[in-house]
Amino acid sequence: MIRLQDSREIRISSSEKEDMERLIQLFMKMFLIGFDELEMSERQETVSLFGEKVSQGIESFSRRLTILEEKVQSLEN
């Protein structure tokens, strides 16, 4: 769990935390030596983890947008 300055909490599962830590490790390694110098398995893992994070972000945005649309609908009625 992460507590933000405005007292909101973000709950992160242990697997999500491990994935994010691994992605950061791979990004740091990629930054230091370059993507082309990573082993093929590390390249694949980097792309896969990054894709998962982007997908989760899109799903979260879509969910929030749906909630906003529902609230606007209820206000209009």
Protein backbone atom coordinates (compact mmCIF):
# COMPACT_ATOMS: atom_id res chain seq x y z
CA MET A 1 0.00 0.00 0.00
CA ILE A 2 1.19 3.48 -0.90
CA ARG A 3 -0.16 6.58 0.83
CA LEU A 4 -0.28 9.75 -1.25
CA GLN A 5 0.05 13.27 0.15
CA ASP A 6 -3.69 13.91 -0.02
CA SER A 7 -4.40 10.81 2.15
CA ARG A 8 -5.50 8.62 -0.73
CA GLU A 9 -4.21 5.06 -0.68
CA ILE A 10 -3.13 2.93 -3.60
CA ARG A 11 -3.26 -0.80 -3.00
CA ILE A 12 -0.78 -2.86 -5.00
CA SER A 13 -0.71 -6.63 -4.98
CA SER A 14 2.61 -8.36 -4.38
CA SER A 15 2.73 -9.69 -7.94
CA GLU A 16 2.13 -6.18 -9.36
CA LYS A 17 4.87 -4.83 -7.11
CA GLU A 18 7.30 -7.54 -8.23
CA ASP A 19 6.45 -6.89 -11.90
CA MET A 20 7.01 -3.16 -11.48
CA GLU A 21 10.32 -3.72 -9.67
CA ARG A 22 11.48 -6.06 -12.42
CA LEU A 23 10.41 -3.61 -15.13
CA ILE A 24 12.37 -0.83 -13.44
CA GLN A 25 15.43 -3.10 -13.18
CA LEU A 26 15.20 -3.92 -16.88
CA PHE A 27 14.71 -0.26 -17.84
CA MET A 28 17.77 0.72 -15.79
CA LYS A 29 19.85 -2.01 -17.40
CA MET A 30 18.56 -1.00 -20.82
CA PHE A 31 19.43 2.63 -20.07
CA LEU A 32 22.99 1.69 -19.08
CA ILE A 33 23.86 -0.77 -21.83
CA GLY A 34 21.16 -0.26 -24.47
CA PHE A 35 18.24 -2.37 -25.64
CA ASP A 36 20.31 -4.12 -28.30
CA GLU A 37 22.76 -5.38 -25.68
CA LEU A 38 20.09 -7.04 -23.52
CA GLU A 39 19.71 -10.80 -23.79
CA MET A 40 16.79 -11.84 -25.97
CA SER A 41 14.86 -13.15 -22.94
CA GLU A 42 15.32 -9.78 -21.20
CA ARG A 43 14.13 -7.94 -24.29
CA GLN A 44 11.01 -10.09 -24.44
CA GLU A 45 10.38 -9.67 -20.72
CA THR A 46 10.78 -5.88 -20.98
CA VAL A 47 8.33 -5.60 -23.85
CA SER A 48 5.86 -7.94 -22.16
CA LEU A 49 5.94 -6.14 -18.80
CA PHE A 50 5.72 -2.73 -20.46
CA GLY A 51 2.74 -3.91 -22.53
CA GLU A 52 0.97 -5.15 -19.41
CA LYS A 53 1.47 -1.79 -17.66
CA VAL A 54 0.15 0.13 -20.67
CA SER A 55 -2.84 -2.20 -20.89
CA GLN A 56 -3.60 -1.76 -17.19
CA GLY A 57 -3.38 2.02 -17.57
CA ILE A 58 -5.82 1.99 -20.49
CA GLU A 59 -8.24 -0.23 -18.57
CA SER A 60 -8.03 2.04 -15.53
CA PHE A 61 -8.65 5.14 -17.66
CA SER A 62 -11.59 3.47 -19.38
CA ARG A 63 -13.08 2.44 -16.03
CA ARG A 64 -12.77 5.99 -14.67
CA LEU A 65 -14.26 7.43 -17.85
CA THR A 66 -17.25 5.10 -17.54
CA ILE A 67 -17.77 6.18 -13.93
CA LEU A 68 -17.67 9.83 -14.98
CA GLU A 69 -20.17 9.20 -17.79
CA GLU A 70 -22.53 7.50 -15.34
CA LYS A 71 -22.26 10.42 -12.89
CA VAL A 72 -22.97 12.94 -15.66
CA GLN A 73 -25.99 10.89 -16.76
CA SER A 74 -27.34 10.81 -13.22
CA LEU A 75 -26.88 14.58 -12.89
CA GLU A 76 -28.69 15.20 -16.18
CA ASN A 77 -31.65 13.10 -15.00
